[in-house]
Amino acid sequence: MKAFCAVSGSPLTHCLEGHRADVTAITFHPAHPEGKVLLTGSLDGTLRTWNTNDFSLNTLFIAPGPVESLVISPPDGARQHDLAFLTCSRRCTDRGFVDGSHVYAYSLSTGRIVERLAKMSSIPTLVTSSCGDVFGVFERNTILIWSSNCRKNSIAKTRVRLHHTKQFTALALHHTSRFVAAGDVTGRILLWYNV
């Protein structure tokens, strides 16, 4: 990974090294609101935190599999500082082929899975609203959406499932209103209100 100055575009440091495979996700850690800690996910099956002052490696987490995508819950409440949501691919035992994925809620304080939210036959990318309070995935004709700042014990119980007759190609979650936009293979954009 490389870090660049947002004003000048010049490199801030040499490459950040530590992951042993492709880096698939990078975000600021929500428990550090001044932007001092980066969180990265990789196909090597790890999550790592980096200090943005000197770009040193802080913490290594073992993920439940190769990390394909990552979103962070918003910085509201103590529990939300702790959660990351991951899609991790599943490996088949014979010949090392990838066979789908799981969506997890993962605790950054304990380094453990909090909940397995879904089993997918493909490897979808997690999509989140701009404020991070809802996130979702789409696969074929189905969209799954969860609330990341639920006050319940189970995030899985907040899941909303939306269906369509055509295959989805894109998903967007509005940051203030409760509506979902999704594109399909025919070029249409569908809207669901009050989700």
C-alpha atoms as a PDB file:
ATOM      1  CA  MET A   1       0.000   0.000   0.000  1.00  0.00           C
ATOM      2  CA  LYS A   2       1.065   3.585  -0.567  1.00  0.00           C
ATOM      3  CA  ALA A   3      -0.077   6.759   1.233  1.00  0.00           C
ATOM      4  CA  PHE A   4      -0.330  10.124  -0.520  1.00  0.00           C
ATOM      5  CA  CYS A   5      -0.918  13.715   0.616  1.00  0.00           C
ATOM      6  CA  ALA A   6      -4.468  14.782  -0.302  1.00  0.00           C
ATOM      7  CA  VAL A   7      -3.317  18.374  -0.964  1.00  0.00           C
ATOM      8  CA  SER A   8      -0.145  17.931  -3.018  1.00  0.00           C
ATOM      9  CA  GLY A   9      -0.509  14.348  -4.199  1.00  0.00           C
ATOM     10  CA  SER A  10       3.049  13.571  -3.141  1.00  0.00           C
ATOM     11  CA  PRO A  11       3.884  10.253  -1.457  1.00  0.00           C
ATOM     12  CA  LEU A  12       3.929  10.401   2.347  1.00  0.00           C
ATOM     13  CA  THR A  13       5.973   7.273   2.897  1.00  0.00           C
ATOM     14  CA  HIS A  14       7.361   4.192   1.257  1.00  0.00           C
ATOM     15  CA  CYS A  15       5.025   1.293   0.572  1.00  0.00           C
ATOM     16  CA  LEU A  16       3.279  -0.092   3.636  1.00  0.00           C
ATOM     17  CA  GLU A  17       4.330  -3.709   3.741  1.00  0.00           C
ATOM     18  CA  GLY A  18       2.959  -6.541   5.830  1.00  0.00           C
ATOM     19  CA  HIS A  19       0.198  -8.314   3.915  1.00  0.00           C
ATOM     20  CA  ARG A  20       1.256 -11.443   2.060  1.00  0.00           C
ATOM     21  CA  ALA A  21      -1.429 -11.231  -0.644  1.00  0.00           C
ATOM     22  CA  ASP A  22      -3.477  -8.575  -2.436  1.00  0.00           C
ATOM     23  CA  VAL A  23      -4.982  -5.835  -0.271  1.00  0.00           C
ATOM     24  CA  THR A  24      -8.725  -5.729  -0.989  1.00  0.00           C
ATOM     25  CA  ALA A  25     -10.013  -3.087   1.459  1.00  0.00           C
ATOM     26  CA  ILE A  26      -8.789  -0.018   3.303  1.00  0.00           C
ATOM     27  CA  THR A  27     -10.647   2.330   5.644  1.00  0.00           C
ATOM     28  CA  PHE A  28     -10.058   4.529   8.670  1.00  0.00           C
ATOM     29  CA  HIS A  29     -10.641   2.813  12.008  1.00  0.00           C
ATOM     30  CA  PRO A  30     -13.816   4.286  13.604  1.00  0.00           C
ATOM     31  CA  ALA A  31     -12.468   4.212  17.155  1.00  0.00           C
ATOM     32  CA  HIS A  32      -9.868   6.789  16.123  1.00  0.00           C
ATOM     33  CA  PRO A  33     -11.953   9.750  14.887  1.00  0.00           C
ATOM     34  CA  GLU A  34      -8.891  11.899  14.150  1.00  0.00           C
ATOM     35  CA  GLY A  35      -7.982   9.541  11.314  1.00  0.00           C
ATOM     36  CA  LYS A  36      -4.849   8.226  12.974  1.00  0.00           C
ATOM     37  CA  VAL A  37      -5.388   4.531  12.315  1.00  0.00           C
ATOM     38  CA  LEU A  38      -6.016   2.738   9.022  1.00  0.00           C
ATOM     39  CA  LEU A  39      -7.634  -0.684   8.836  1.00  0.00           C
ATOM     40  CA  THR A  40      -6.802  -2.934   5.884  1.00  0.00           C
ATOM     41  CA  GLY A  41      -8.068  -6.320   4.727  1.00  0.00           C
ATOM     42  CA  SER A  42      -6.300  -8.774   2.456  1.00  0.00           C
ATOM     43  CA  LEU A  43      -6.644 -12.052   0.611  1.00  0.00           C
ATOM     44  CA  ASP A  44      -4.007 -13.384   3.020  1.00  0.00           C
ATOM     45  CA  GLY A  45      -6.837 -13.735   5.582  1.00  0.00           C
ATOM     46  CA  THR A  46      -5.744 -10.906   7.849  1.00  0.00           C
ATOM     47  CA  LEU A  47      -6.896  -7.483   8.952  1.00  0.00           C
ATOM     48  CA  ARG A  48      -4.184  -5.019   9.994  1.00  0.00           C
ATOM     49  CA  THR A  49      -4.155  -1.584  11.600  1.00  0.00           C
ATOM     50  CA  TRP A  50      -1.570   1.044  10.707  1.00  0.00           C
ATOM     51  CA  ASN A  51      -0.570   4.229  12.536  1.00  0.00           C
ATOM     52  CA  THR A  52      -0.925   7.160  10.100  1.00  0.00           C
ATOM     53  CA  ASN A  53       1.644   9.274  11.964  1.00  0.00           C
ATOM     54  CA  ASP A  54       4.587   7.022  11.132  1.00  0.00           C
ATOM     55  CA  PHE A  55       2.794   4.342   9.020  1.00  0.00           C
ATOM     56  CA  SER A  56       3.920   1.564  11.320  1.00  0.00           C
ATOM     57  CA  LEU A  57       1.974  -1.677  11.722  1.00  0.00           C
ATOM     58  CA  ASN A  58      -0.091  -1.658  14.937  1.00  0.00           C
ATOM     59  CA  THR A  59      -2.279  -4.755  15.163  1.00  0.00           C
ATOM     60  CA  LEU A  60      -2.746  -7.998  13.260  1.00  0.00           C
ATOM     61  CA  PHE A  61      -6.148  -9.754  13.253  1.00  0.00           C
ATOM     62  CA  ILE A  62      -6.774 -13.202  11.801  1.00  0.00           C
ATOM     63  CA  ALA A  63      -9.919 -13.054   9.653  1.00  0.00           C
ATOM     64  CA  PRO A  64     -12.203 -16.068   9.089  1.00  0.00           C
ATOM     65  CA  GLY A  65     -10.909 -16.356   5.509  1.00  0.00           C
ATOM     66  CA  PRO A  66      -9.486 -14.319   2.623  1.00  0.00           C
ATOM     67  CA  VAL A  67     -11.011 -10.837   3.018  1.00  0.00           C
ATOM     68  CA  GLU A  68     -12.796  -9.817  -0.163  1.00  0.00           C
ATOM     69  CA  SER A  69     -14.484  -6.637   1.121  1.00  0.00           C
ATOM     70  CA  LEU A  70     -14.809  -4.671   4.348  1.00  0.00           C
ATOM     71  CA  VAL A  71     -17.048  -1.940   5.754  1.00  0.00           C
ATOM     72  CA  ILE A  72     -16.977  -0.321   9.179  1.00  0.00           C
ATOM     73  CA  SER A  73     -19.914   0.591  11.375  1.00  0.00           C
ATOM     74  CA  PRO A  74     -20.398   4.283  12.245  1.00  0.00           C
ATOM     75  CA  PRO A  75     -18.832   5.826  15.361  1.00  0.00           C
ATOM     76  CA  ASP A  76     -22.068   5.916  17.382  1.00  0.00           C
ATOM     77  CA  GLY A  77     -22.025   4.019  20.651  1.00  0.00           C
ATOM     78  CA  ALA A  78     -19.394   1.795  22.208  1.00  0.00           C
ATOM     79  CA  ARG A  79     -20.329  -1.413  20.386  1.00  0.00           C
ATOM     80  CA  GLN A  80     -20.219   0.196  16.968  1.00  0.00           C
ATOM     81  CA  HIS A  81     -16.587   1.263  17.393  1.00  0.00           C
ATOM     82  CA  ASP A  82     -15.787  -2.403  17.652  1.00  0.00           C
ATOM     83  CA  LEU A  83     -17.466  -3.900  14.575  1.00  0.00           C
ATOM     84  CA  ALA A  84     -16.229  -4.496  11.070  1.00  0.00           C
ATOM     85  CA  PHE A  85     -18.306  -6.292   8.452  1.00  0.00           C
ATOM     86  CA  LEU A  86     -16.461  -8.624   6.092  1.00  0.00           C
ATOM     87  CA  THR A  87     -17.048 -10.836   3.115  1.00  0.00           C
ATOM     88  CA  CYS A  88     -14.593 -13.718   3.217  1.00  0.00           C
ATOM     89  CA  SER A  89     -14.303 -16.294   0.464  1.00  0.00           C
ATOM     90  CA  ARG A  90     -14.619 -19.986   1.231  1.00  0.00           C
ATOM     91  CA  ARG A  91     -12.010 -22.323  -0.177  1.00  0.00           C
ATOM     92  CA  CYS A  92     -12.931 -25.735  -1.528  1.00  0.00           C
ATOM     93  CA  THR A  93     -10.686 -28.470  -0.226  1.00  0.00           C
ATOM     94  CA  ASP A  94      -9.928 -30.043  -3.590  1.00  0.00           C
ATOM     95  CA  ARG A  95      -7.630 -28.037  -5.891  1.00  0.00           C
ATOM     96  CA  GLY A  96      -8.018 -24.847  -3.837  1.00  0.00           C
ATOM     97  CA  PHE A  97     -10.969 -23.427  -5.799  1.00  0.00           C
ATOM     98  CA  VAL A  98     -13.037 -20.703  -4.171  1.00  0.00           C
ATOM     99  CA  ASP A  99     -16.655 -21.703  -3.556  1.00  0.00           C
ATOM    100  CA  GLY A 100     -18.684 -18.692  -2.485  1.00  0.00           C
ATOM    101  CA  SER A 101     -18.308 -16.627   0.654  1.00  0.00           C
ATOM    102  CA  HIS A 102     -19.688 -15.682   4.050  1.00  0.00           C
ATOM    103  CA  VAL A 103     -20.672 -12.276   5.387  1.00  0.00           C
ATOM    104  CA  TYR A 104     -19.476 -11.742   8.969  1.00  0.00           C
ATOM    105  CA  ALA A 105     -19.778  -9.230  11.785  1.00  0.00           C
ATOM    106  CA  TYR A 106     -16.258  -9.190  13.264  1.00  0.00           C
ATOM    107  CA  SER A 107     -15.140  -7.729  16.593  1.00  0.00           C
ATOM    108  CA  LEU A 108     -11.973  -5.638  16.369  1.00  0.00           C
ATOM    109  CA  SER A 109     -11.498  -5.666  20.146  1.00  0.00           C
ATOM    110  CA  THR A 110     -11.560  -9.463  20.519  1.00  0.00           C
ATOM    111  CA  GLY A 111     -10.419 -10.473  17.034  1.00  0.00           C
ATOM    112  CA  ARG A 112     -13.346 -12.880  16.715  1.00  0.00           C
ATOM    113  CA  ILE A 113     -16.485 -13.406  14.675  1.00  0.00           C
ATOM    114  CA  VAL A 114     -19.539 -11.910  16.393  1.00  0.00           C
ATOM    115  CA  GLU A 115     -22.062 -13.316  13.907  1.00  0.00           C
ATOM    116  CA  ARG A 116     -22.169 -15.054  10.558  1.00  0.00           C
ATOM    117  CA  LEU A 117     -24.732 -12.964   8.711  1.00  0.00           C
ATOM    118  CA  ALA A 118     -25.066 -14.809   5.390  1.00  0.00           C
ATOM    119  CA  LYS A 119     -23.718 -17.595   3.230  1.00  0.00           C
ATOM    120  CA  MET A 120     -23.346 -16.570  -0.409  1.00  0.00           C
ATOM    121  CA  SER A 121     -22.724 -18.666  -3.504  1.00  0.00           C
ATOM    122  CA  SER A 122     -20.635 -15.877  -5.070  1.00  0.00           C
ATOM    123  CA  ILE A 123     -18.216 -13.340  -3.602  1.00  0.00           C
ATOM    124  CA  PRO A 124     -20.200 -10.085  -3.383  1.00  0.00           C
ATOM    125  CA  THR A 125     -18.818  -6.679  -2.493  1.00  0.00           C
ATOM    126  CA  LEU A 126     -20.282  -5.052   0.595  1.00  0.00           C
ATOM    127  CA  VAL A 127     -22.011  -1.744  -0.076  1.00  0.00           C
ATOM    128  CA  THR A 128     -22.686   0.795   2.670  1.00  0.00           C
ATOM    129  CA  SER A 129     -24.562   4.071   2.980  1.00  0.00           C
ATOM    130  CA  SER A 130     -22.346   7.141   3.249  1.00  0.00           C
ATOM    131  CA  CYS A 131     -23.000   7.430   6.993  1.00  0.00           C
ATOM    132  CA  GLY A 132     -22.404   3.688   7.441  1.00  0.00           C
ATOM    133  CA  ASP A 133     -25.592   2.874   9.339  1.00  0.00           C
ATOM    134  CA  VAL A 134     -26.779   0.269   6.815  1.00  0.00           C
ATOM    135  CA  PHE A 135     -24.869  -2.091   4.564  1.00  0.00           C
ATOM    136  CA  GLY A 136     -25.787  -4.767   2.083  1.00  0.00           C
ATOM    137  CA  VAL A 137     -24.863  -7.157  -0.705  1.00  0.00           C
ATOM    138  CA  PHE A 138     -26.550  -8.383  -3.844  1.00  0.00           C
ATOM    139  CA  GLU A 139     -26.400 -11.778  -5.489  1.00  0.00           C
ATOM    140  CA  ARG A 140     -28.348 -12.782  -8.563  1.00  0.00           C
ATOM    141  CA  ASN A 141     -31.983 -11.717  -7.947  1.00  0.00           C
ATOM    142  CA  THR A 142     -31.621 -10.973  -4.222  1.00  0.00           C
ATOM    143  CA  ILE A 143     -30.470  -8.022  -2.115  1.00  0.00           C
ATOM    144  CA  LEU A 144     -29.647  -8.463   1.578  1.00  0.00           C
ATOM    145  CA  ILE A 145     -29.458  -5.388   3.843  1.00  0.00           C
ATOM    146  CA  TRP A 146     -28.533  -5.079   7.539  1.00  0.00           C
ATOM    147  CA  SER A 147     -28.486  -2.264  10.073  1.00  0.00           C
ATOM    148  CA  SER A 148     -25.006  -1.803  11.535  1.00  0.00           C
ATOM    149  CA  ASN A 149     -26.154   0.313  14.472  1.00  0.00           C
ATOM    150  CA  CYS A 150     -28.937  -1.887  15.764  1.00  0.00           C
ATOM    151  CA  ARG A 151     -29.666  -1.826  19.477  1.00  0.00           C
ATOM    152  CA  LYS A 152     -30.648  -5.498  19.448  1.00  0.00           C
ATOM    153  CA  ASN A 153     -28.380  -8.372  20.396  1.00  0.00           C
ATOM    154  CA  SER A 154     -28.340  -9.743  16.855  1.00  0.00           C
ATOM    155  CA  ILE A 155     -27.433  -7.845  13.699  1.00  0.00           C
ATOM    156  CA  ALA A 156     -28.666 -10.846  11.679  1.00  0.00           C
ATOM    157  CA  LYS A 157     -32.223 -10.165  12.891  1.00  0.00           C
ATOM    158  CA  THR A 158     -32.188  -6.736  11.217  1.00  0.00           C
ATOM    159  CA  ARG A 159     -31.765  -8.318   7.779  1.00  0.00           C
ATOM    160  CA  VAL A 160     -34.090  -7.218   4.989  1.00  0.00           C
ATOM    161  CA  ARG A 161     -34.336  -9.340   1.843  1.00  0.00           C
ATOM    162  CA  LEU A 162     -35.448  -7.797  -1.462  1.00  0.00           C
ATOM    163  CA  HIS A 163     -36.206  -9.828  -4.608  1.00  0.00           C
ATOM    164  CA  HIS A 164     -36.501  -9.073  -8.306  1.00  0.00           C
ATOM    165  CA  THR A 165     -37.238 -11.132 -11.416  1.00  0.00           C
ATOM    166  CA  LYS A 166     -33.982 -10.037 -13.127  1.00  0.00           C
ATOM    167  CA  GLN A 167     -30.381 -10.303 -12.001  1.00  0.00           C
ATOM    168  CA  PHE A 168     -28.949  -7.308 -10.113  1.00  0.00           C
ATOM    169  CA  THR A 169     -25.805  -5.532 -11.314  1.00  0.00           C
ATOM    170  CA  ALA A 170     -25.505  -2.592  -8.883  1.00  0.00           C
ATOM    171  CA  LEU A 171     -26.665  -1.461  -5.440  1.00  0.00           C
ATOM    172  CA  ALA A 172     -26.786   1.902  -3.652  1.00  0.00           C
ATOM    173  CA  LEU A 173     -28.079   2.780  -0.183  1.00  0.00           C
ATOM    174  CA  HIS A 174     -29.282   6.324   0.538  1.00  0.00           C
ATOM    175  CA  HIS A 175     -27.557   8.062   3.445  1.00  0.00           C
ATOM    176  CA  THR A 176     -30.602   9.748   5.041  1.00  0.00           C
ATOM    177  CA  SER A 177     -33.834   8.381   3.601  1.00  0.00           C
ATOM    178  CA  ARG A 178     -34.619   4.714   3.909  1.00  0.00           C
ATOM    179  CA  PHE A 179     -34.586   3.798   0.258  1.00  0.00           C
ATOM    180  CA  VAL A 180     -32.543   1.409  -1.823  1.00  0.00           C
ATOM    181  CA  ALA A 181     -31.613   1.759  -5.496  1.00  0.00           C
ATOM    182  CA  ALA A 182     -30.509  -1.205  -7.573  1.00  0.00           C
ATOM    183  CA  GLY A 183     -29.669  -1.713 -11.227  1.00  0.00           C
ATOM    184  CA  ASP A 184     -30.514  -4.863 -13.158  1.00  0.00           C
ATOM    185  CA  VAL A 185     -29.255  -6.589 -16.307  1.00  0.00           C
ATOM    186  CA  THR A 186     -31.931  -4.925 -18.482  1.00  0.00           C
ATOM    187  CA  GLY A 187     -30.621  -1.439 -17.635  1.00  0.00           C
ATOM    188  CA  ARG A 188     -33.452  -0.515 -15.273  1.00  0.00           C
ATOM    189  CA  ILE A 189     -32.987   1.152 -11.906  1.00  0.00           C
ATOM    190  CA  LEU A 190     -35.389  -0.039  -9.220  1.00  0.00           C
ATOM    191  CA  LEU A 191     -36.206   1.890  -6.029  1.00  0.00           C
ATOM    192  CA  TRP A 192     -37.542   0.514  -2.743  1.00  0.00           C
ATOM    193  CA  TYR A 193     -38.843   3.063  -0.221  1.00  0.00           C
ATOM    194  CA  ASN A 194     -39.139   2.805   3.574  1.00  0.00           C
ATOM    195  CA  VAL A 195     -36.721  -0.115   3.823  1.00  0.00           C
END
